[in-house]
Each structure stands twice: as C-alpha cells, then as structure tokens.
Amino acid sequence: MGKEEAKKNLIMRLKRIEGQIRGIQRMIEEDKYCIDILVQVAAARAALDKVGLAIFEGHTRNCLVEAIKEERGEETIEELMTLVMRFIK
C-alpha cells in the first residue's frame, strides 16, 4: 500500500470513529442502556487502537528504516521504545 493510499485509509477510519463517538453521545443524550453505551465505547477504543497501530507500523517500516540508512538508528530506536511505552499504557 502506498503512502497516499495508507493516509486515505487512516482518514476513512478516523471518520468512522468520529461517527461512533457521535453515536455514543447520542446514546447518552437519549438515556440508552449503560451496557450498550459501554459496548460502543469499547468498540470506539478498539478502532482507535487499530489506527494507532497502523501509524506505528508505518513509522517503523518507513521512518525507522530511513533513520537506520542515515545512521540515526540508535536515537530513532530510543524514540520508538518511548513511543511503545506510551502506547501500551
């Protein structure tokens, strides 16, 4: 998948998540059953995690590889490890 196609895919996913969030807001406004709302919150969180992982993969496959070629691998790996620690919190 090319960079532009990947970007388009991420934006489509984010728009879908945006719709999920609006749906959750509407459910709260309409006093829907709490369990149903929580299920939707979990689905939105999972979808956002997938977006994060896709960006993480792109960074690893592109930016990290480029940094290693430019002999900036060590600092980029440190940056990547910091990112991993933030992401899994």
N, C-alpha and C. Protein backbone atom coordinates (compact mmCIF):
# COMPACT_ATOMS: atom_id res chain seq x y z
N MET A 1 0.85 -1.17 0.00
CA MET A 1 0.00 0.00 0.00
C MET A 1 0.89 1.23 0.00
N GLY A 2 0.60 2.17 -0.89
CA GLY A 2 1.38 3.40 -0.98
C GLY A 2 1.04 4.36 0.14
N LYS A 3 1.88 5.36 0.29
CA LYS A 3 1.72 6.33 1.37
C LYS A 3 0.38 7.07 1.27
N GLU A 4 0.02 7.50 0.08
CA GLU A 4 -1.24 8.23 -0.09
C GLU A 4 -2.45 7.34 0.19
N GLU A 5 -2.38 6.09 -0.25
CA GLU A 5 -3.48 5.16 -0.01
C GLU A 5 -3.60 4.87 1.49
N ALA A 6 -2.47 4.71 2.16
CA ALA A 6 -2.48 4.47 3.60
C ALA A 6 -3.08 5.67 4.33
N LYS A 7 -2.71 6.86 3.90
CA LYS A 7 -3.23 8.09 4.51
C LYS A 7 -4.74 8.17 4.33
N LYS A 8 -5.21 7.88 3.13
CA LYS A 8 -6.64 7.89 2.83
C LYS A 8 -7.38 6.88 3.70
N ASN A 9 -6.79 5.70 3.87
CA ASN A 9 -7.38 4.65 4.69
C ASN A 9 -7.49 5.11 6.15
N LEU A 10 -6.43 5.74 6.67
CA LEU A 10 -6.45 6.22 8.05
C LEU A 10 -7.52 7.28 8.24
N ILE A 11 -7.64 8.18 7.30
CA ILE A 11 -8.64 9.24 7.41
C ILE A 11 -10.05 8.66 7.37
N MET A 12 -10.27 7.66 6.52
CA MET A 12 -11.58 6.99 6.48
C MET A 12 -11.88 6.33 7.82
N ARG A 13 -10.89 5.65 8.40
CA ARG A 13 -11.08 5.01 9.70
C ARG A 13 -11.42 6.05 10.77
N LEU A 14 -10.69 7.16 10.76
CA LEU A 14 -10.94 8.21 11.76
C LEU A 14 -12.32 8.82 11.60
N LYS A 15 -12.79 8.97 10.40
CA LYS A 15 -14.14 9.49 10.18
C LYS A 15 -15.18 8.51 10.71
N ARG A 16 -14.91 7.21 10.52
CA ARG A 16 -15.81 6.20 11.06
C ARG A 16 -15.84 6.27 12.59
N ILE A 17 -14.67 6.44 13.19
CA ILE A 17 -14.58 6.56 14.65
C ILE A 17 -15.31 7.82 15.11
N GLU A 18 -15.15 8.89 14.37
CA GLU A 18 -15.85 10.13 14.69
C GLU A 18 -17.36 9.89 14.73
N GLY A 19 -17.86 9.13 13.77
CA GLY A 19 -19.28 8.77 13.74
C GLY A 19 -19.67 7.92 14.94
N GLN A 20 -18.78 6.99 15.32
CA GLN A 20 -19.05 6.17 16.51
C GLN A 20 -19.16 7.05 17.75
N ILE A 21 -18.27 8.02 17.88
CA ILE A 21 -18.27 8.91 19.04
C ILE A 21 -19.56 9.74 19.07
N ARG A 22 -19.97 10.24 17.92
CA ARG A 22 -21.25 10.98 17.85
C ARG A 22 -22.41 10.07 18.25
N GLY A 23 -22.34 8.81 17.82
CA GLY A 23 -23.37 7.85 18.19
C GLY A 23 -23.42 7.61 19.69
N ILE A 24 -22.26 7.53 20.31
CA ILE A 24 -22.19 7.35 21.76
C ILE A 24 -22.80 8.57 22.45
N GLN A 25 -22.46 9.74 21.97
CA GLN A 25 -23.02 10.97 22.54
C GLN A 25 -24.54 10.95 22.44
N ARG A 26 -25.05 10.56 21.30
CA ARG A 26 -26.50 10.49 21.08
C ARG A 26 -27.13 9.47 22.03
N MET A 27 -26.45 8.34 22.21
CA MET A 27 -26.97 7.31 23.12
C MET A 27 -27.09 7.86 24.55
N ILE A 28 -26.10 8.64 24.96
CA ILE A 28 -26.13 9.22 26.31
C ILE A 28 -27.26 10.24 26.40
N GLU A 29 -27.38 11.08 25.38
CA GLU A 29 -28.46 12.07 25.36
C GLU A 29 -29.83 11.41 25.42
N GLU A 30 -29.96 10.25 24.81
CA GLU A 30 -31.24 9.53 24.76
C GLU A 30 -31.42 8.55 25.92
N ASP A 31 -30.51 8.61 26.89
CA ASP A 31 -30.58 7.75 28.07
C ASP A 31 -30.65 6.27 27.73
N LYS A 32 -29.83 5.84 26.78
CA LYS A 32 -29.79 4.42 26.41
C LYS A 32 -29.18 3.61 27.55
N TYR A 33 -29.35 2.31 27.48
CA TYR A 33 -28.87 1.38 28.50
C TYR A 33 -27.34 1.49 28.61
N CYS A 34 -26.87 1.61 29.85
CA CYS A 34 -25.43 1.82 30.11
C CYS A 34 -24.55 0.76 29.47
N ILE A 35 -24.97 -0.49 29.53
CA ILE A 35 -24.16 -1.57 28.96
C ILE A 35 -24.00 -1.38 27.45
N ASP A 36 -25.07 -0.98 26.79
CA ASP A 36 -25.00 -0.74 25.34
C ASP A 36 -24.02 0.40 25.03
N ILE A 37 -24.03 1.43 25.86
CA ILE A 37 -23.11 2.55 25.67
C ILE A 37 -21.67 2.08 25.87
N LEU A 38 -21.44 1.31 26.92
CA LEU A 38 -20.09 0.82 27.21
C LEU A 38 -19.57 -0.09 26.10
N VAL A 39 -20.43 -0.87 25.50
CA VAL A 39 -20.03 -1.72 24.37
C VAL A 39 -19.55 -0.84 23.22
N GLN A 40 -20.25 0.25 22.97
CA GLN A 40 -19.86 1.17 21.89
C GLN A 40 -18.56 1.91 22.22
N VAL A 41 -18.38 2.25 23.51
CA VAL A 41 -17.13 2.89 23.93
C VAL A 41 -15.96 1.94 23.68
N ALA A 42 -16.14 0.67 24.04
CA ALA A 42 -15.08 -0.33 23.82
C ALA A 42 -14.78 -0.49 22.33
N ALA A 43 -15.81 -0.48 21.51
CA ALA A 43 -15.62 -0.60 20.06
C ALA A 43 -14.86 0.60 19.50
N ALA A 44 -15.20 1.80 19.97
CA ALA A 44 -14.50 3.01 19.50
C ALA A 44 -13.04 2.99 19.96
N ARG A 45 -12.81 2.56 21.18
CA ARG A 45 -11.44 2.49 21.70
C ARG A 45 -10.62 1.48 20.88
N ALA A 46 -11.21 0.34 20.57
CA ALA A 46 -10.50 -0.67 19.77
C ALA A 46 -10.20 -0.14 18.38
N ALA A 47 -11.14 0.58 17.79
CA ALA A 47 -10.92 1.14 16.46
C ALA A 47 -9.80 2.18 16.50
N LEU A 48 -9.76 2.99 17.54
CA LEU A 48 -8.70 4.00 17.67
C LEU A 48 -7.35 3.33 17.88
N ASP A 49 -7.33 2.25 18.65
CA ASP A 49 -6.09 1.49 18.83
C ASP A 49 -5.57 0.95 17.50
N LYS A 50 -6.48 0.49 16.65
CA LYS A 50 -6.07 -0.02 15.34
C LYS A 50 -5.47 1.08 14.48
N VAL A 51 -6.03 2.28 14.57
CA VAL A 51 -5.45 3.41 13.84
C VAL A 51 -4.04 3.68 14.36
N GLY A 52 -3.89 3.69 15.68
CA GLY A 52 -2.57 3.91 16.28
C GLY A 52 -1.57 2.86 15.84
N LEU A 53 -2.00 1.62 15.81
CA LEU A 53 -1.10 0.54 15.39
C LEU A 53 -0.71 0.67 13.92
N ALA A 54 -1.65 1.10 13.09
CA ALA A 54 -1.35 1.29 11.67
C ALA A 54 -0.32 2.41 11.49
N ILE A 55 -0.46 3.49 12.25
CA ILE A 55 0.51 4.58 12.19
C ILE A 55 1.86 4.11 12.72
N PHE A 56 1.82 3.36 13.80
CA PHE A 56 3.04 2.81 14.39
C PHE A 56 3.77 1.92 13.39
N GLU A 57 3.02 1.07 12.70
CA GLU A 57 3.62 0.19 11.70
C GLU A 57 4.25 1.00 10.56
N GLY A 58 3.52 2.01 10.10
CA GLY A 58 4.06 2.86 9.03
C GLY A 58 5.33 3.56 9.46
N HIS A 59 5.34 4.03 10.70
CA HIS A 59 6.54 4.70 11.22
C HIS A 59 7.70 3.72 11.25
N THR A 60 7.46 2.53 11.72
CA THR A 60 8.51 1.52 11.82
C THR A 60 9.04 1.13 10.44
N ARG A 61 8.14 0.89 9.53
CA ARG A 61 8.54 0.44 8.20
C ARG A 61 9.18 1.54 7.35
N ASN A 62 8.83 2.78 7.62
CA ASN A 62 9.34 3.88 6.79
C ASN A 62 10.37 4.73 7.52
N CYS A 63 9.94 5.40 8.56
CA CYS A 63 10.82 6.35 9.26
C CYS A 63 12.01 5.65 9.91
N LEU A 64 11.75 4.53 10.57
CA LEU A 64 12.83 3.82 11.24
C LEU A 64 13.84 3.28 10.23
N VAL A 65 13.34 2.70 9.17
CA VAL A 65 14.23 2.16 8.13
C VAL A 65 15.08 3.28 7.54
N GLU A 66 14.46 4.42 7.28
CA GLU A 66 15.19 5.57 6.72
C GLU A 66 16.25 6.07 7.70
N ALA A 67 15.90 6.14 8.98
CA ALA A 67 16.85 6.60 10.00
C ALA A 67 18.05 5.66 10.10
N ILE A 68 17.81 4.37 10.00
CA ILE A 68 18.92 3.41 10.05
C ILE A 68 19.83 3.61 8.85
N LYS A 69 19.25 3.83 7.68
CA LYS A 69 20.06 4.07 6.48
C LYS A 69 20.91 5.33 6.64
N GLU A 70 20.37 6.32 7.36
CA GLU A 70 21.08 7.58 7.56
C GLU A 70 21.94 7.54 8.83
N GLU A 71 22.11 6.37 9.38
CA GLU A 71 22.93 6.16 10.58
C GLU A 71 22.43 6.94 11.80
N ARG A 72 21.11 7.08 11.88
CA ARG A 72 20.48 7.69 13.05
C ARG A 72 19.62 6.64 13.76
N GLY A 73 19.98 5.40 13.57
CA GLY A 73 19.19 4.28 14.07
C GLY A 73 19.05 4.25 15.58
N GLU A 74 20.13 4.47 16.29
CA GLU A 74 20.10 4.35 17.75
C GLU A 74 19.11 5.35 18.37
N GLU A 75 19.19 6.61 17.95
CA GLU A 75 18.28 7.62 18.52
C GLU A 75 16.83 7.34 18.12
N THR A 76 16.63 6.84 16.92
CA THR A 76 15.29 6.55 16.45
C THR A 76 14.71 5.33 17.17
N ILE A 77 15.54 4.36 17.47
CA ILE A 77 15.09 3.20 18.24
C ILE A 77 14.70 3.64 19.66
N GLU A 78 15.49 4.53 20.25
CA GLU A 78 15.14 5.07 21.57
C GLU A 78 13.78 5.76 21.52
N GLU A 79 13.60 6.57 20.50
CA GLU A 79 12.32 7.28 20.31
C GLU A 79 11.18 6.27 20.16
N LEU A 80 11.42 5.23 19.39
CA LEU A 80 10.42 4.19 19.17
C LEU A 80 10.07 3.48 20.46
N MET A 81 11.05 3.18 21.28
CA MET A 81 10.80 2.50 22.55
C MET A 81 9.99 3.39 23.50
N THR A 82 10.27 4.68 23.50
CA THR A 82 9.48 5.62 24.31
C THR A 82 8.04 5.64 23.84
N LEU A 83 7.89 5.62 22.53
CA LEU A 83 6.55 5.60 21.95
C LEU A 83 5.81 4.32 22.34
N VAL A 84 6.47 3.20 22.27
CA VAL A 84 5.85 1.91 22.66
C VAL A 84 5.36 1.99 24.10
N MET A 85 6.19 2.54 24.97
CA MET A 85 5.81 2.63 26.38
C MET A 85 4.58 3.51 26.57
N ARG A 86 4.49 4.60 25.83
CA ARG A 86 3.30 5.46 25.90
C ARG A 86 2.09 4.76 25.35
N PHE A 87 2.29 4.05 24.27
CA PHE A 87 1.17 3.42 23.56
C PHE A 87 0.54 2.30 24.37
N ILE A 88 1.33 1.59 25.15
CA ILE A 88 0.77 0.44 25.87
C ILE A 88 0.25 0.80 27.26
N LYS A 89 0.38 2.04 27.66
CA LYS A 89 -0.15 2.45 28.97
C LYS A 89 -1.64 2.37 29.00
